[in-house]
Amino acid sequence: MDGDFRTDFTRDPVSLRNFPALVLNADYRPLSYYPLSLWPWQDAVKAVFLDRVDILAEYDQIVRSQRLEIRVPSVVVLRDFVKPRKRVAFTRFNLFLRDEFSCQYCGARNDLTFDHVVPRKLGGVTSWDNVVAACAPCNLAKGSKTLRASGMKLRKTPYRPDAETLRNLGRRFPPNHLHESWMDYLYWDTELEA
């Protein structure tokens, strides 16, 4: 990967580059930390107009229509609570997040792919318990061999994460840009000052 490993896995729509709004659930926690729950400013303004959110903080930027003038929201909170999913989808992104974007054999953070611990050729299935993030060199070195035959060891045993585990892992990877109005609503894994 050429760019920052944390952002290469997320979409970067043009509409989120200018004045994105942090979206909080009705309990004032972000819907997700990684990727951070953001809406384009247009969606935030629409949600305000439809009375689906309350504005907690605003940018200095103003948008106008014929009859309305509104400051662009920078933090919004949903009026209705969105129940978090209990089951986590088995996706490439969630797998990499579970493994903290590092190879489970050597710890490398670039050129990631995934590897079947028990190879499919030997009856291994594609599941949370049998697939890990692996860099291309380690994946090639292991090939379709077992761990014992390849002489490789896993850094940690693969497991099925729950939604809370992934949310907490996501807190370890703050995005490159955090607007100052968001800081009171985000709790990243940083040491508190005494």
C-alpha atoms as a PDB file:
ATOM      1  CA  MET A   1       0.000   0.000   0.000  1.00  0.00           C
ATOM      2  CA  ASP A   2       1.298   3.386  -0.914  1.00  0.00           C
ATOM      3  CA  GLY A   3      -0.843   5.512   1.392  1.00  0.00           C
ATOM      4  CA  ASP A   4      -1.759   5.383   5.055  1.00  0.00           C
ATOM      5  CA  PHE A   5      -2.798   1.803   5.891  1.00  0.00           C
ATOM      6  CA  ARG A   6      -5.725   3.058   7.990  1.00  0.00           C
ATOM      7  CA  THR A   7      -7.400   4.966   5.187  1.00  0.00           C
ATOM      8  CA  ASP A   8      -6.628   2.707   2.238  1.00  0.00           C
ATOM      9  CA  PHE A   9      -9.465   0.439   3.347  1.00  0.00           C
ATOM     10  CA  THR A  10     -12.181   3.069   3.461  1.00  0.00           C
ATOM     11  CA  ARG A  11     -13.944   5.022   0.799  1.00  0.00           C
ATOM     12  CA  ASP A  12     -13.049   8.685   0.450  1.00  0.00           C
ATOM     13  CA  PRO A  13     -16.042  10.262  -1.287  1.00  0.00           C
ATOM     14  CA  VAL A  14     -15.547  13.810  -2.510  1.00  0.00           C
ATOM     15  CA  SER A  15     -18.596  14.991  -0.558  1.00  0.00           C
ATOM     16  CA  LEU A  16     -16.898  14.069   2.750  1.00  0.00           C
ATOM     17  CA  ARG A  17     -13.814  16.167   2.066  1.00  0.00           C
ATOM     18  CA  ASN A  18     -15.522  19.478   2.803  1.00  0.00           C
ATOM     19  CA  PHE A  19     -17.465  20.014   6.024  1.00  0.00           C
ATOM     20  CA  PRO A  20     -18.418  16.448   6.994  1.00  0.00           C
ATOM     21  CA  ALA A  21     -20.772  16.008   9.940  1.00  0.00           C
ATOM     22  CA  LEU A  22     -19.963  13.588  12.748  1.00  0.00           C
ATOM     23  CA  VAL A  23     -23.066  11.447  13.326  1.00  0.00           C
ATOM     24  CA  LEU A  24     -23.844  10.337  16.872  1.00  0.00           C
ATOM     25  CA  ASN A  25     -26.441   7.820  17.932  1.00  0.00           C
ATOM     26  CA  ALA A  26     -29.159   8.968  20.343  1.00  0.00           C
ATOM     27  CA  ASP A  27     -26.866   7.886  23.209  1.00  0.00           C
ATOM     28  CA  TYR A  28     -24.286  10.459  22.004  1.00  0.00           C
ATOM     29  CA  ARG A  29     -21.765   7.828  20.870  1.00  0.00           C
ATOM     30  CA  PRO A  30     -20.579   7.633  17.246  1.00  0.00           C
ATOM     31  CA  LEU A  31     -22.399   5.036  15.158  1.00  0.00           C
ATOM     32  CA  SER A  32     -18.935   3.687  14.341  1.00  0.00           C
ATOM     33  CA  TYR A  33     -15.358   4.672  15.047  1.00  0.00           C
ATOM     34  CA  TYR A  34     -13.668   3.016  12.121  1.00  0.00           C
ATOM     35  CA  PRO A  35     -14.678   4.078   9.668  1.00  0.00           C
ATOM     36  CA  LEU A  36     -15.820   7.119  11.594  1.00  0.00           C
ATOM     37  CA  SER A  37     -19.550   7.765  11.160  1.00  0.00           C
ATOM     38  CA  LEU A  38     -19.597  10.850   8.949  1.00  0.00           C
ATOM     39  CA  TRP A  39     -22.201  12.297   6.607  1.00  0.00           C
ATOM     40  CA  PRO A  40     -21.627  14.744   3.772  1.00  0.00           C
ATOM     41  CA  TRP A  41     -22.813  18.217   4.779  1.00  0.00           C
ATOM     42  CA  GLN A  42     -25.713  17.929   2.308  1.00  0.00           C
ATOM     43  CA  ASP A  43     -27.086  14.836   4.093  1.00  0.00           C
ATOM     44  CA  ALA A  44     -26.683  16.491   7.486  1.00  0.00           C
ATOM     45  CA  VAL A  45     -28.612  19.580   6.365  1.00  0.00           C
ATOM     46  CA  LYS A  46     -31.339  17.381   4.871  1.00  0.00           C
ATOM     47  CA  ALA A  47     -31.628  15.396   8.131  1.00  0.00           C
ATOM     48  CA  VAL A  48     -31.943  18.671  10.081  1.00  0.00           C
ATOM     49  CA  PHE A  49     -34.654  19.878   7.702  1.00  0.00           C
ATOM     50  CA  LEU A  50     -36.513  16.535   8.066  1.00  0.00           C
ATOM     51  CA  ASP A  51     -36.231  16.823  11.881  1.00  0.00           C
ATOM     52  CA  ARG A  52     -34.328  13.515  12.206  1.00  0.00           C
ATOM     53  CA  VAL A  53     -31.304  14.969  14.034  1.00  0.00           C
ATOM     54  CA  ASP A  54     -30.365  17.704  16.453  1.00  0.00           C
ATOM     55  CA  ILE A  55     -27.346  19.914  15.784  1.00  0.00           C
ATOM     56  CA  LEU A  56     -24.703  19.870  18.525  1.00  0.00           C
ATOM     57  CA  ALA A  57     -21.963  21.871  16.770  1.00  0.00           C
ATOM     58  CA  GLU A  58     -21.630  23.867  13.568  1.00  0.00           C
ATOM     59  CA  TYR A  59     -19.013  25.075  11.127  1.00  0.00           C
ATOM     60  CA  ASP A  60     -18.692  28.783  10.356  1.00  0.00           C
ATOM     61  CA  GLN A  61     -19.796  28.028   6.779  1.00  0.00           C
ATOM     62  CA  ILE A  62     -23.358  29.016   5.881  1.00  0.00           C
ATOM     63  CA  VAL A  63     -25.600  27.508   3.200  1.00  0.00           C
ATOM     64  CA  ARG A  64     -28.584  29.371   1.830  1.00  0.00           C
ATOM     65  CA  SER A  65     -31.713  28.611  -0.115  1.00  0.00           C
ATOM     66  CA  GLN A  66     -34.458  30.994  -1.170  1.00  0.00           C
ATOM     67  CA  ARG A  67     -36.153  30.796   2.217  1.00  0.00           C
ATOM     68  CA  LEU A  68     -33.581  29.335   4.593  1.00  0.00           C
ATOM     69  CA  GLU A  69     -30.116  30.111   5.889  1.00  0.00           C
ATOM     70  CA  ILE A  70     -28.334  27.516   8.028  1.00  0.00           C
ATOM     71  CA  ARG A  71     -24.838  27.036   9.368  1.00  0.00           C
ATOM     72  CA  VAL A  72     -23.358  23.747   8.207  1.00  0.00           C
ATOM     73  CA  PRO A  73     -23.617  21.149  11.011  1.00  0.00           C
ATOM     74  CA  SER A  74     -20.345  19.601  12.177  1.00  0.00           C
ATOM     75  CA  VAL A  75     -21.862  17.294  14.846  1.00  0.00           C
ATOM     76  CA  VAL A  76     -25.389  15.893  14.759  1.00  0.00           C
ATOM     77  CA  VAL A  77     -27.169  13.446  17.067  1.00  0.00           C
ATOM     78  CA  LEU A  78     -29.938  11.145  15.863  1.00  0.00           C
ATOM     79  CA  ARG A  79     -33.299  11.666  17.522  1.00  0.00           C
ATOM     80  CA  ASP A  80     -34.087   7.948  17.398  1.00  0.00           C
ATOM     81  CA  PHE A  81     -31.683   5.342  18.732  1.00  0.00           C
ATOM     82  CA  VAL A  82     -30.236   2.990  16.122  1.00  0.00           C
ATOM     83  CA  LYS A  83     -29.696  -0.407  17.705  1.00  0.00           C
ATOM     84  CA  PRO A  84     -26.190  -1.671  16.915  1.00  0.00           C
ATOM     85  CA  ARG A  85     -25.935  -4.979  15.114  1.00  0.00           C
ATOM     86  CA  LYS A  86     -25.045  -7.947  17.286  1.00  0.00           C
ATOM     87  CA  ARG A  87     -23.661 -10.075  14.450  1.00  0.00           C
ATOM     88  CA  VAL A  88     -20.568  -8.868  12.650  1.00  0.00           C
ATOM     89  CA  ALA A  89     -20.424  -9.403   8.893  1.00  0.00           C
ATOM     90  CA  PHE A  90     -17.488 -11.499   7.698  1.00  0.00           C
ATOM     91  CA  THR A  91     -15.889  -8.992   5.323  1.00  0.00           C
ATOM     92  CA  ARG A  92     -12.352  -8.262   4.244  1.00  0.00           C
ATOM     93  CA  PHE A  93     -12.440  -4.913   6.057  1.00  0.00           C
ATOM     94  CA  ASN A  94     -13.723  -6.402   9.327  1.00  0.00           C
ATOM     95  CA  LEU A  95     -11.129  -9.177   9.129  1.00  0.00           C
ATOM     96  CA  PHE A  96      -8.324  -6.630   8.716  1.00  0.00           C
ATOM     97  CA  LEU A  97      -9.764  -4.545  11.555  1.00  0.00           C
ATOM     98  CA  ARG A  98      -9.925  -7.620  13.835  1.00  0.00           C
ATOM     99  CA  ASP A  99      -6.265  -8.305  13.038  1.00  0.00           C
ATOM    100  CA  GLU A 100      -5.405  -4.599  13.493  1.00  0.00           C
ATOM    101  CA  PHE A 101      -4.228  -4.202   9.899  1.00  0.00           C
ATOM    102  CA  SER A 102      -1.153  -6.343  10.461  1.00  0.00           C
ATOM    103  CA  CYS A 103       0.109  -9.680   9.186  1.00  0.00           C
ATOM    104  CA  GLN A 104      -0.662 -12.385  11.717  1.00  0.00           C
ATOM    105  CA  TYR A 105       2.613 -14.141  10.902  1.00  0.00           C
ATOM    106  CA  CYS A 106       5.226 -11.351  10.869  1.00  0.00           C
ATOM    107  CA  GLY A 107       3.391  -8.166  11.925  1.00  0.00           C
ATOM    108  CA  ALA A 108       3.923  -6.284   8.631  1.00  0.00           C
ATOM    109  CA  ARG A 109       1.338  -3.603   7.853  1.00  0.00           C
ATOM    110  CA  ASN A 110       1.654  -3.392   4.085  1.00  0.00           C
ATOM    111  CA  ASP A 111       0.717  -5.519   1.090  1.00  0.00           C
ATOM    112  CA  LEU A 112      -2.000  -7.270   3.118  1.00  0.00           C
ATOM    113  CA  THR A 113      -4.109 -10.116   1.845  1.00  0.00           C
ATOM    114  CA  PHE A 114      -5.737 -12.954   3.746  1.00  0.00           C
ATOM    115  CA  ASP A 115      -4.713 -16.544   4.399  1.00  0.00           C
ATOM    116  CA  HIS A 116      -6.556 -19.733   5.317  1.00  0.00           C
ATOM    117  CA  VAL A 117      -4.805 -21.170   8.387  1.00  0.00           C
ATOM    118  CA  VAL A 118      -5.980 -24.653   7.433  1.00  0.00           C
ATOM    119  CA  PRO A 119      -5.715 -24.513   3.624  1.00  0.00           C
ATOM    120  CA  ARG A 120      -8.883 -25.022   1.601  1.00  0.00           C
ATOM    121  CA  LYS A 121      -7.064 -27.806  -0.218  1.00  0.00           C
ATOM    122  CA  LEU A 122      -6.951 -29.676   3.123  1.00  0.00           C
ATOM    123  CA  GLY A 123     -10.600 -28.976   4.012  1.00  0.00           C
ATOM    124  CA  GLY A 124     -10.207 -25.551   5.615  1.00  0.00           C
ATOM    125  CA  VAL A 125     -13.237 -23.293   5.392  1.00  0.00           C
ATOM    126  CA  THR A 126     -13.530 -19.563   4.856  1.00  0.00           C
ATOM    127  CA  SER A 127     -14.612 -18.458   8.323  1.00  0.00           C
ATOM    128  CA  TRP A 128     -13.611 -16.153  11.171  1.00  0.00           C
ATOM    129  CA  ASP A 129     -11.843 -19.050  12.900  1.00  0.00           C
ATOM    130  CA  ASN A 130      -9.732 -20.058   9.899  1.00  0.00           C
ATOM    131  CA  VAL A 131      -8.830 -16.849   8.023  1.00  0.00           C
ATOM    132  CA  VAL A 132      -6.228 -14.264   9.079  1.00  0.00           C
ATOM    133  CA  ALA A 133      -4.658 -11.143   7.618  1.00  0.00           C
ATOM    134  CA  ALA A 134      -1.298 -11.952   6.022  1.00  0.00           C
ATOM    135  CA  CYS A 135       1.225  -9.969   4.022  1.00  0.00           C
ATOM    136  CA  ALA A 136       1.879 -11.257   0.509  1.00  0.00           C
ATOM    137  CA  PRO A 137       5.388 -12.635   1.304  1.00  0.00           C
ATOM    138  CA  CYS A 138       4.088 -14.648   4.296  1.00  0.00           C
ATOM    139  CA  ASN A 139       1.064 -15.825   2.349  1.00  0.00           C
ATOM    140  CA  LEU A 140       3.327 -17.054  -0.453  1.00  0.00           C
ATOM    141  CA  ALA A 141       5.757 -18.671   2.002  1.00  0.00           C
ATOM    142  CA  LYS A 142       2.957 -20.583   3.729  1.00  0.00           C
ATOM    143  CA  GLY A 143       1.159 -21.442   0.506  1.00  0.00           C
ATOM    144  CA  SER A 144      -1.187 -24.396   0.866  1.00  0.00           C
ATOM    145  CA  LYS A 145       0.744 -25.956   3.750  1.00  0.00           C
ATOM    146  CA  THR A 146      -0.317 -26.338   7.352  1.00  0.00           C
ATOM    147  CA  LEU A 147       1.286 -24.159  10.019  1.00  0.00           C
ATOM    148  CA  ARG A 148       3.427 -27.078  11.177  1.00  0.00           C
ATOM    149  CA  ALA A 149       4.577 -27.964   7.642  1.00  0.00           C
ATOM    150  CA  SER A 150       5.410 -24.333   6.863  1.00  0.00           C
ATOM    151  CA  GLY A 151       7.217 -23.748  10.163  1.00  0.00           C
ATOM    152  CA  MET A 152       5.177 -20.554  10.705  1.00  0.00           C
ATOM    153  CA  LYS A 153       3.351 -19.445  13.842  1.00  0.00           C
ATOM    154  CA  LEU A 154       0.345 -17.201  14.323  1.00  0.00           C
ATOM    155  CA  ARG A 155       0.761 -14.100  16.486  1.00  0.00           C
ATOM    156  CA  LYS A 156      -2.751 -14.687  17.858  1.00  0.00           C
ATOM    157  CA  THR A 157      -5.479 -17.253  17.305  1.00  0.00           C
ATOM    158  CA  PRO A 158      -8.220 -16.200  14.871  1.00  0.00           C
ATOM    159  CA  TYR A 159     -11.654 -15.677  16.442  1.00  0.00           C
ATOM    160  CA  ARG A 160     -15.151 -14.419  15.649  1.00  0.00           C
ATOM    161  CA  PRO A 161     -15.314 -10.844  17.000  1.00  0.00           C
ATOM    162  CA  ASP A 162     -18.499  -9.303  18.307  1.00  0.00           C
ATOM    163  CA  ALA A 163     -19.659  -5.819  17.341  1.00  0.00           C
ATOM    164  CA  GLU A 164     -18.357  -4.246  20.561  1.00  0.00           C
ATOM    165  CA  THR A 165     -14.893  -5.741  20.043  1.00  0.00           C
ATOM    166  CA  LEU A 166     -14.660  -4.321  16.519  1.00  0.00           C
ATOM    167  CA  ARG A 167     -15.953  -0.943  17.687  1.00  0.00           C
ATOM    168  CA  ASN A 168     -13.273  -0.829  20.375  1.00  0.00           C
ATOM    169  CA  LEU A 169     -10.581  -1.911  17.898  1.00  0.00           C
ATOM    170  CA  GLY A 170     -11.722   0.866  15.572  1.00  0.00           C
ATOM    171  CA  ARG A 171     -11.030   3.413  18.314  1.00  0.00           C
ATOM    172  CA  ARG A 172      -7.316   2.618  17.929  1.00  0.00           C
ATOM    173  CA  PHE A 173      -7.268   4.093  14.429  1.00  0.00           C
ATOM    174  CA  PRO A 174      -8.369   7.737  14.455  1.00  0.00           C
ATOM    175  CA  PRO A 175      -8.718   9.274  11.004  1.00  0.00           C
ATOM    176  CA  ASN A 176      -6.174  11.745   9.682  1.00  0.00           C
ATOM    177  CA  HIS A 177      -8.577  14.674  10.051  1.00  0.00           C
ATOM    178  CA  LEU A 178     -10.570  15.364  13.208  1.00  0.00           C
ATOM    179  CA  HIS A 179     -12.416  18.657  13.453  1.00  0.00           C
ATOM    180  CA  GLU A 180     -12.031  20.318  16.861  1.00  0.00           C
ATOM    181  CA  SER A 181     -15.838  20.342  17.350  1.00  0.00           C
ATOM    182  CA  TRP A 182     -15.819  16.522  17.303  1.00  0.00           C
ATOM    183  CA  MET A 183     -13.342  16.013  20.133  1.00  0.00           C
ATOM    184  CA  ASP A 184     -15.881  16.134  22.977  1.00  0.00           C
ATOM    185  CA  TYR A 185     -17.746  13.207  21.387  1.00  0.00           C
ATOM    186  CA  LEU A 186     -14.826  10.944  20.451  1.00  0.00           C
ATOM    187  CA  TYR A 187     -12.828   8.876  22.856  1.00  0.00           C
ATOM    188  CA  TRP A 188      -9.710   7.511  21.236  1.00  0.00           C
ATOM    189  CA  ASP A 189      -7.224   5.214  22.909  1.00  0.00           C
ATOM    190  CA  THR A 190      -4.952   7.937  24.179  1.00  0.00           C
ATOM    191  CA  GLU A 191      -3.440   8.365  27.596  1.00  0.00           C
ATOM    192  CA  LEU A 192      -5.243  10.881  29.753  1.00  0.00           C
ATOM    193  CA  GLU A 193      -3.226  13.754  31.147  1.00  0.00           C
ATOM    194  CA  ALA A 194      -2.904  13.867  34.950  1.00  0.00           C
END
